[in-house]
């Protein structure tokens, strides 16, 4: 799937009805215990506090999303979810890969906080090249020798 990355901030969410529909659908399909609030409340509260959603975009629809918190040095990403109809097709992996490229381009460390992660989440992060980092209290993408 030729998935591209899109950034959704509060202004874009307010201005674009399709963005609101797509984000709502994505998070309504997430397991309830994975979100701190009801899906629509979670989306609105996250955007109103200045965070943004980074989405996997395919065929004019947002099919996956994650919450991105920018502290000026690192992007802390959490609550990754993919639409049920596109799961098991590499969308989440592609979204994470696109995030790592964008973070590098913007000189941000990419951190997945370890709070609330399941063993399956940790195994996936490990497979994608992330390592546990106690200082960051989460997982960071391991640097290759050429990046050091």
N, C-alpha and C. Protein backbone atom coordinates (compact mmCIF):
# COMPACT_ATOMS: atom_id res chain seq x y z
N UNK A 1 0.84 -1.19 0.00
CA UNK A 1 0.00 0.00 0.00
C UNK A 1 0.88 1.25 0.00
N UNK A 2 0.70 2.14 -0.94
CA UNK A 2 1.48 3.39 -0.97
C UNK A 2 0.92 4.42 0.02
N UNK A 3 1.28 4.25 1.25
CA UNK A 3 0.79 5.10 2.34
C UNK A 3 1.68 6.33 2.47
N UNK A 4 1.07 7.49 2.68
CA UNK A 4 1.84 8.71 2.94
C UNK A 4 1.50 9.22 4.34
N UNK A 5 2.36 10.09 4.85
CA UNK A 5 2.20 10.64 6.19
C UNK A 5 1.53 12.01 6.11
N UNK A 6 0.55 12.22 6.98
CA UNK A 6 -0.07 13.53 7.11
C UNK A 6 -0.11 13.92 8.58
N UNK A 7 0.06 15.22 8.82
CA UNK A 7 0.01 15.76 10.18
C UNK A 7 -1.31 16.50 10.36
N UNK A 8 -2.00 16.16 11.44
CA UNK A 8 -3.30 16.77 11.72
C UNK A 8 -3.21 17.55 13.02
N UNK A 9 -3.32 18.87 12.92
CA UNK A 9 -3.36 19.70 14.12
C UNK A 9 -4.81 20.15 14.36
N UNK A 10 -5.01 20.92 15.40
CA UNK A 10 -6.37 21.33 15.77
C UNK A 10 -7.05 22.12 14.65
N UNK A 11 -6.31 23.03 14.01
CA UNK A 11 -6.90 23.85 12.95
C UNK A 11 -7.36 22.99 11.77
N UNK A 12 -6.54 22.03 11.39
CA UNK A 12 -6.92 21.17 10.25
C UNK A 12 -8.11 20.29 10.63
N UNK A 13 -8.10 19.78 11.85
CA UNK A 13 -9.21 18.95 12.32
C UNK A 13 -10.53 19.73 12.29
N UNK A 14 -10.47 20.98 12.72
CA UNK A 14 -11.69 21.81 12.73
C UNK A 14 -12.16 22.13 11.32
N UNK A 15 -11.22 22.35 10.40
CA UNK A 15 -11.56 22.81 9.06
C UNK A 15 -11.99 21.70 8.10
N UNK A 16 -11.62 20.46 8.38
CA UNK A 16 -11.82 19.38 7.41
C UNK A 16 -12.72 18.28 7.98
N UNK A 17 -13.94 18.22 7.50
CA UNK A 17 -14.90 17.23 8.01
C UNK A 17 -14.41 15.80 7.78
N UNK A 18 -13.76 15.54 6.63
CA UNK A 18 -13.30 14.17 6.36
C UNK A 18 -12.23 13.75 7.36
N UNK A 19 -11.38 14.67 7.77
CA UNK A 19 -10.37 14.37 8.79
C UNK A 19 -11.07 13.98 10.09
N UNK A 20 -12.09 14.74 10.49
CA UNK A 20 -12.83 14.42 11.71
C UNK A 20 -13.48 13.04 11.61
N UNK A 21 -14.08 12.74 10.48
CA UNK A 21 -14.72 11.43 10.28
C UNK A 21 -13.68 10.31 10.35
N UNK A 22 -12.58 10.48 9.62
CA UNK A 22 -11.56 9.42 9.57
C UNK A 22 -10.93 9.16 10.93
N UNK A 23 -10.54 10.22 11.65
CA UNK A 23 -9.93 10.02 12.97
C UNK A 23 -10.92 9.35 13.93
N UNK A 24 -12.16 9.77 13.86
CA UNK A 24 -13.17 9.16 14.72
C UNK A 24 -13.32 7.67 14.41
N UNK A 25 -13.37 7.32 13.14
CA UNK A 25 -13.48 5.91 12.76
C UNK A 25 -12.28 5.10 13.24
N UNK A 26 -11.09 5.66 13.05
CA UNK A 26 -9.87 4.95 13.46
C UNK A 26 -9.93 4.63 14.95
N UNK A 27 -10.21 5.64 15.77
CA UNK A 27 -10.15 5.42 17.22
C UNK A 27 -11.39 4.73 17.79
N UNK A 28 -12.51 4.76 17.08
CA UNK A 28 -13.66 3.96 17.53
C UNK A 28 -13.38 2.46 17.34
N UNK A 29 -12.45 2.13 16.46
CA UNK A 29 -12.10 0.72 16.24
C UNK A 29 -10.97 0.26 17.16
N UNK A 30 -10.41 1.16 17.95
CA UNK A 30 -9.34 0.79 18.89
C UNK A 30 -9.95 0.05 20.08
N UNK A 31 -9.20 -0.90 20.65
CA UNK A 31 -9.69 -1.54 21.88
C UNK A 31 -9.92 -0.46 22.95
N UNK A 32 -11.07 -0.48 23.58
CA UNK A 32 -11.45 0.55 24.54
C UNK A 32 -10.45 0.78 25.66
N UNK A 33 -9.82 -0.29 26.13
CA UNK A 33 -8.87 -0.15 27.23
C UNK A 33 -7.57 0.54 26.81
N UNK A 34 -7.36 0.74 25.51
CA UNK A 34 -6.13 1.36 25.03
C UNK A 34 -6.19 2.88 25.03
N UNK A 35 -7.38 3.46 25.21
CA UNK A 35 -7.52 4.91 25.20
C UNK A 35 -7.92 5.41 26.58
N UNK A 36 -7.40 6.58 26.99
CA UNK A 36 -7.73 7.11 28.32
C UNK A 36 -9.14 7.71 28.41
N UNK A 37 -9.75 8.02 27.28
CA UNK A 37 -11.09 8.61 27.22
C UNK A 37 -11.88 7.95 26.10
N UNK A 38 -13.15 8.29 26.00
CA UNK A 38 -13.94 7.85 24.84
C UNK A 38 -13.27 8.40 23.58
N UNK A 39 -13.35 7.71 22.45
CA UNK A 39 -12.59 8.10 21.26
C UNK A 39 -12.71 9.57 20.84
N UNK A 40 -13.92 10.09 20.71
CA UNK A 40 -14.06 11.48 20.27
C UNK A 40 -13.54 12.47 21.31
N UNK A 41 -13.75 12.16 22.59
CA UNK A 41 -13.20 13.01 23.66
C UNK A 41 -11.68 12.98 23.63
N UNK A 42 -11.11 11.80 23.42
CA UNK A 42 -9.66 11.63 23.35
C UNK A 42 -9.07 12.48 22.22
N UNK A 43 -9.68 12.42 21.05
CA UNK A 43 -9.18 13.18 19.90
C UNK A 43 -9.25 14.68 20.20
N UNK A 44 -10.40 15.14 20.62
CA UNK A 44 -10.59 16.57 20.87
C UNK A 44 -9.67 17.07 21.98
N UNK A 45 -9.59 16.36 23.09
CA UNK A 45 -8.74 16.79 24.21
C UNK A 45 -7.27 16.82 23.79
N UNK A 46 -6.84 15.85 23.02
CA UNK A 46 -5.45 15.80 22.57
C UNK A 46 -5.12 17.00 21.68
N UNK A 47 -6.00 17.30 20.74
CA UNK A 47 -5.76 18.43 19.84
C UNK A 47 -5.84 19.77 20.57
N UNK A 48 -6.76 19.89 21.51
CA UNK A 48 -6.92 21.14 22.25
C UNK A 48 -5.74 21.43 23.17
N UNK A 49 -4.98 20.40 23.53
CA UNK A 49 -3.80 20.62 24.37
C UNK A 49 -2.54 20.82 23.53
N UNK A 50 -2.71 20.98 22.22
CA UNK A 50 -1.58 21.31 21.36
C UNK A 50 -0.87 20.13 20.71
N UNK A 51 -1.34 18.94 20.96
CA UNK A 51 -0.73 17.77 20.32
C UNK A 51 -1.29 17.63 18.91
N UNK A 52 -0.72 16.73 18.15
CA UNK A 52 -1.22 16.49 16.80
C UNK A 52 -1.31 14.99 16.56
N UNK A 53 -2.06 14.64 15.56
CA UNK A 53 -2.12 13.25 15.11
C UNK A 53 -1.36 13.14 13.81
N UNK A 54 -0.59 12.09 13.69
CA UNK A 54 0.10 11.78 12.45
C UNK A 54 -0.62 10.58 11.86
N UNK A 55 -1.00 10.69 10.61
CA UNK A 55 -1.85 9.67 10.03
C UNK A 55 -1.22 9.01 8.81
N UNK A 56 -1.63 7.77 8.59
CA UNK A 56 -1.32 7.05 7.37
C UNK A 56 -2.46 7.36 6.40
N UNK A 57 -2.11 7.89 5.25
CA UNK A 57 -3.10 8.35 4.28
C UNK A 57 -3.01 7.49 3.03
N UNK A 58 -4.15 6.96 2.59
CA UNK A 58 -4.20 6.08 1.41
C UNK A 58 -5.57 6.22 0.75
N UNK A 59 -5.57 6.40 -0.57
CA UNK A 59 -6.83 6.52 -1.33
C UNK A 59 -7.78 7.56 -0.74
N UNK A 60 -7.24 8.73 -0.45
CA UNK A 60 -8.03 9.86 0.06
C UNK A 60 -8.65 9.63 1.44
N UNK A 61 -8.11 8.68 2.19
CA UNK A 61 -8.62 8.42 3.53
C UNK A 61 -7.45 8.23 4.50
N UNK A 62 -7.69 8.65 5.74
CA UNK A 62 -6.75 8.39 6.83
C UNK A 62 -7.11 7.00 7.36
N UNK A 63 -6.16 6.07 7.30
CA UNK A 63 -6.45 4.68 7.67
C UNK A 63 -5.71 4.22 8.92
N UNK A 64 -4.84 5.06 9.43
CA UNK A 64 -4.12 4.77 10.66
C UNK A 64 -3.69 6.08 11.28
N UNK A 65 -3.49 6.08 12.59
CA UNK A 65 -3.11 7.32 13.25
C UNK A 65 -2.35 7.02 14.53
N UNK A 66 -1.59 8.01 14.95
CA UNK A 66 -0.96 7.97 16.27
C UNK A 66 -0.89 9.38 16.80
N UNK A 67 -0.86 9.49 18.10
CA UNK A 67 -0.77 10.79 18.77
C UNK A 67 0.69 11.17 18.89
N UNK A 68 1.02 12.41 18.55
CA UNK A 68 2.41 12.89 18.61
C UNK A 68 2.48 14.11 19.53
N UNK A 69 3.30 14.00 20.56
CA UNK A 69 3.54 15.10 21.49
C UNK A 69 4.96 15.59 21.24
N UNK A 70 5.11 16.87 20.93
CA UNK A 70 6.41 17.45 20.59
C UNK A 70 6.88 18.33 21.75
N UNK A 71 8.02 17.96 22.34
CA UNK A 71 8.56 18.78 23.44
C UNK A 71 9.71 19.67 22.98
N UNK A 72 9.90 19.78 21.66
CA UNK A 72 10.96 20.61 21.12
C UNK A 72 12.24 19.85 20.86
N UNK A 73 12.41 18.71 21.49
CA UNK A 73 13.60 17.87 21.32
C UNK A 73 13.22 16.48 20.82
N UNK A 74 12.08 16.00 21.29
CA UNK A 74 11.65 14.64 20.94
C UNK A 74 10.17 14.64 20.60
N UNK A 75 9.81 13.68 19.75
CA UNK A 75 8.40 13.39 19.51
C UNK A 75 8.07 12.15 20.31
N UNK A 76 7.11 12.27 21.19
CA UNK A 76 6.63 11.11 21.96
C UNK A 76 5.35 10.65 21.28
N UNK A 77 5.39 9.43 20.79
CA UNK A 77 4.24 8.93 20.04
C UNK A 77 3.57 7.81 20.81
N UNK A 78 2.27 7.82 20.77
CA UNK A 78 1.48 6.80 21.48
C UNK A 78 0.12 6.66 20.80
N UNK A 79 -0.62 5.68 21.26
CA UNK A 79 -1.98 5.43 20.77
C UNK A 79 -2.04 5.20 19.26
N UNK A 80 -1.15 4.33 18.78
CA UNK A 80 -1.16 3.97 17.36
C UNK A 80 -2.32 3.02 17.10
N UNK A 81 -3.10 3.33 16.09
CA UNK A 81 -4.25 2.49 15.74
C UNK A 81 -4.45 2.52 14.22
N UNK A 82 -4.83 1.37 13.68
CA UNK A 82 -5.09 1.22 12.25
C UNK A 82 -6.53 0.73 12.09
N UNK A 83 -7.21 1.23 11.06
CA UNK A 83 -8.57 0.78 10.78
C UNK A 83 -8.60 -0.74 10.63
N UNK A 84 -9.64 -1.37 11.14
CA UNK A 84 -9.76 -2.83 11.08
C UNK A 84 -9.63 -3.36 9.66
N UNK A 85 -10.22 -2.66 8.71
CA UNK A 85 -10.22 -3.14 7.32
C UNK A 85 -8.84 -3.13 6.68
N UNK A 86 -7.88 -2.42 7.28
CA UNK A 86 -6.53 -2.38 6.69
C UNK A 86 -5.46 -2.97 7.61
N UNK A 87 -5.87 -3.60 8.69
CA UNK A 87 -4.89 -4.24 9.57
C UNK A 87 -4.27 -5.44 8.89
N UNK A 88 -3.07 -5.77 9.32
CA UNK A 88 -2.31 -6.91 8.80
C UNK A 88 -1.84 -6.68 7.36
N UNK A 89 -1.72 -5.42 6.97
CA UNK A 89 -1.24 -5.07 5.63
C UNK A 89 -0.01 -4.18 5.69
N UNK A 90 0.56 -4.03 6.88
CA UNK A 90 1.77 -3.23 7.02
C UNK A 90 1.55 -1.75 7.21
N UNK A 91 0.32 -1.33 7.43
CA UNK A 91 0.03 0.10 7.57
C UNK A 91 0.70 0.68 8.82
N UNK A 92 0.58 -0.02 9.95
CA UNK A 92 1.20 0.47 11.18
C UNK A 92 2.71 0.53 11.07
N UNK A 93 3.30 -0.49 10.46
CA UNK A 93 4.75 -0.51 10.26
C UNK A 93 5.18 0.64 9.36
N UNK A 94 4.42 0.87 8.29
CA UNK A 94 4.74 1.96 7.36
C UNK A 94 4.58 3.31 8.05
N UNK A 95 3.55 3.47 8.87
CA UNK A 95 3.35 4.71 9.60
C UNK A 95 4.54 4.97 10.53
N UNK A 96 4.99 3.95 11.22
CA UNK A 96 6.15 4.10 12.11
C UNK A 96 7.41 4.45 11.32
N UNK A 97 7.59 3.84 10.15
CA UNK A 97 8.76 4.14 9.31
C UNK A 97 8.71 5.58 8.81
N UNK A 98 7.55 6.02 8.38
CA UNK A 98 7.40 7.41 7.93
C UNK A 98 7.64 8.39 9.07
N UNK A 99 7.19 8.04 10.26
CA UNK A 99 7.43 8.89 11.43
C UNK A 99 8.92 9.01 11.73
N UNK A 100 9.65 7.91 11.62
CA UNK A 100 11.08 7.97 11.91
C UNK A 100 11.80 8.84 10.88
N UNK A 101 11.40 8.78 9.62
CA UNK A 101 12.01 9.63 8.59
C UNK A 101 11.69 11.10 8.85
N UNK A 102 10.45 11.40 9.18
CA UNK A 102 10.05 12.78 9.44
C UNK A 102 10.72 13.33 10.70
N UNK A 103 10.82 12.51 11.73
CA UNK A 103 11.49 12.94 12.96
C UNK A 103 12.96 13.26 12.68
N UNK A 104 13.61 12.42 11.90
CA UNK A 104 15.02 12.66 11.56
C UNK A 104 15.15 13.96 10.76
N UNK A 105 14.25 14.19 9.82
CA UNK A 105 14.29 15.40 9.00
C UNK A 105 14.09 16.66 9.85
N UNK A 106 13.33 16.54 10.92
CA UNK A 106 13.07 17.68 11.80
C UNK A 106 13.97 17.68 13.04
N UNK A 107 14.96 16.79 13.02
CA UNK A 107 15.93 16.67 14.11
C UNK A 107 15.26 16.44 15.46
N UNK A 108 14.33 15.50 15.47
CA UNK A 108 13.65 15.10 16.70
C UNK A 108 13.97 13.65 17.00
N UNK A 109 14.14 13.35 18.26
CA UNK A 109 14.26 11.98 18.72
C UNK A 109 12.85 11.41 18.72
N UNK A 110 12.69 10.17 18.28
CA UNK A 110 11.38 9.53 18.26
C UNK A 110 11.30 8.57 19.43
N UNK A 111 10.36 8.82 20.34
CA UNK A 111 10.24 8.04 21.57
C UNK A 111 8.83 7.45 21.67
N UNK A 112 8.77 6.17 22.01
CA UNK A 112 7.49 5.52 22.30
C UNK A 112 7.49 5.26 23.80
N UNK A 113 6.77 6.08 24.59
CA UNK A 113 6.75 5.87 26.04
C UNK A 113 6.29 4.45 26.38
N UNK A 114 6.93 3.87 27.41
CA UNK A 114 6.62 2.47 27.72
C UNK A 114 5.37 2.29 28.59
N UNK A 115 4.81 3.37 29.07
CA UNK A 115 3.60 3.28 29.90
C UNK A 115 2.44 2.73 29.08
N UNK A 116 1.84 1.65 29.57
CA UNK A 116 0.67 1.08 28.92
C UNK A 116 0.94 0.15 27.75
N UNK A 117 2.21 -0.09 27.44
CA UNK A 117 2.51 -1.00 26.33
C UNK A 117 2.29 -2.45 26.75
N UNK A 118 1.79 -3.24 25.84
CA UNK A 118 1.66 -4.67 26.08
C UNK A 118 2.93 -5.36 25.62
N UNK A 119 3.08 -6.63 25.97
CA UNK A 119 4.22 -7.40 25.51
C UNK A 119 4.25 -7.44 23.98
N UNK A 120 3.10 -7.58 23.35
CA UNK A 120 3.03 -7.59 21.89
C UNK A 120 3.53 -6.26 21.31
N UNK A 121 3.18 -5.14 21.96
CA UNK A 121 3.67 -3.82 21.52
C UNK A 121 5.19 -3.77 21.59
N UNK A 122 5.73 -4.24 22.71
CA UNK A 122 7.18 -4.21 22.90
C UNK A 122 7.89 -5.10 21.89
N UNK A 123 7.31 -6.24 21.58
CA UNK A 123 7.91 -7.13 20.57
C UNK A 123 7.90 -6.47 19.19
N UNK A 124 6.81 -5.81 18.85
CA UNK A 124 6.74 -5.12 17.57
C UNK A 124 7.78 -4.01 17.50
N UNK A 125 7.89 -3.21 18.55
CA UNK A 125 8.88 -2.14 18.58
C UNK A 125 10.29 -2.70 18.42
N UNK A 126 10.57 -3.79 19.09
CA UNK A 126 11.88 -4.43 18.97
C UNK A 126 12.14 -4.87 17.53
N UNK A 127 11.14 -5.46 16.91
CA UNK A 127 11.26 -5.91 15.52
C UNK A 127 11.51 -4.73 14.58
N UNK A 128 10.97 -3.57 14.91
CA UNK A 128 11.14 -2.37 14.09
C UNK A 128 12.46 -1.65 14.37
N UNK A 129 13.25 -2.16 15.32
CA UNK A 129 14.56 -1.57 15.60
C UNK A 129 14.60 -0.63 16.78
N UNK A 130 13.57 -0.61 17.59
CA UNK A 130 13.55 0.24 18.78
C UNK A 130 14.18 -0.50 19.95
N UNK A 131 14.83 0.26 20.81
CA UNK A 131 15.43 -0.31 22.02
C UNK A 131 14.93 0.47 23.23
N UNK A 132 14.86 -0.23 24.35
CA UNK A 132 14.39 0.40 25.59
C UNK A 132 15.46 1.39 26.06
N UNK A 133 15.02 2.57 26.47
CA UNK A 133 15.92 3.63 26.92
C UNK A 133 15.37 4.16 28.24
N UNK A 134 16.05 3.84 29.34
CA UNK A 134 15.57 4.23 30.67
C UNK A 134 15.49 5.74 30.83
N UNK A 135 16.45 6.46 30.26
CA UNK A 135 16.46 7.92 30.37
C UNK A 135 15.22 8.53 29.72
N UNK A 136 14.80 7.99 28.59
CA UNK A 136 13.63 8.50 27.87
C UNK A 136 12.32 7.88 28.37
N UNK A 137 12.43 6.91 29.26
CA UNK A 137 11.28 6.19 29.81
C UNK A 137 10.41 5.60 28.70
N UNK A 138 11.10 4.96 27.77
CA UNK A 138 10.39 4.34 26.66
C UNK A 138 11.34 3.70 25.68
N UNK A 139 10.87 3.56 24.48
CA UNK A 139 11.65 2.95 23.41
C UNK A 139 12.06 4.02 22.41
N UNK A 140 13.32 3.95 21.96
CA UNK A 140 13.82 4.86 20.94
C UNK A 140 14.36 4.02 19.79
N UNK A 141 14.34 4.60 18.61
CA UNK A 141 14.86 3.90 17.44
C UNK A 141 16.37 3.81 17.57
N UNK A 142 16.90 2.60 17.49
CA UNK A 142 18.35 2.40 17.61
C UNK A 142 19.05 3.08 16.44
N UNK A 143 20.14 3.76 16.74
CA UNK A 143 20.91 4.42 15.69
C UNK A 143 21.89 3.43 15.08
N UNK A 144 22.07 3.56 13.76
CA UNK A 144 23.10 2.76 13.10
C UNK A 144 24.42 3.50 13.23
N UNK A 145 25.51 2.83 12.92
CA UNK A 145 26.83 3.46 13.03
C UNK A 145 26.94 4.72 12.19
N UNK A 146 26.28 4.76 11.03
CA UNK A 146 26.35 5.93 10.17
C UNK A 146 25.59 7.12 10.75
N UNK A 147 24.68 6.87 11.68
CA UNK A 147 23.90 7.95 12.30
C UNK A 147 24.57 8.49 13.56
N UNK A 148 25.49 7.77 14.14
CA UNK A 148 26.10 8.17 15.40
C UNK A 148 27.01 9.35 15.24
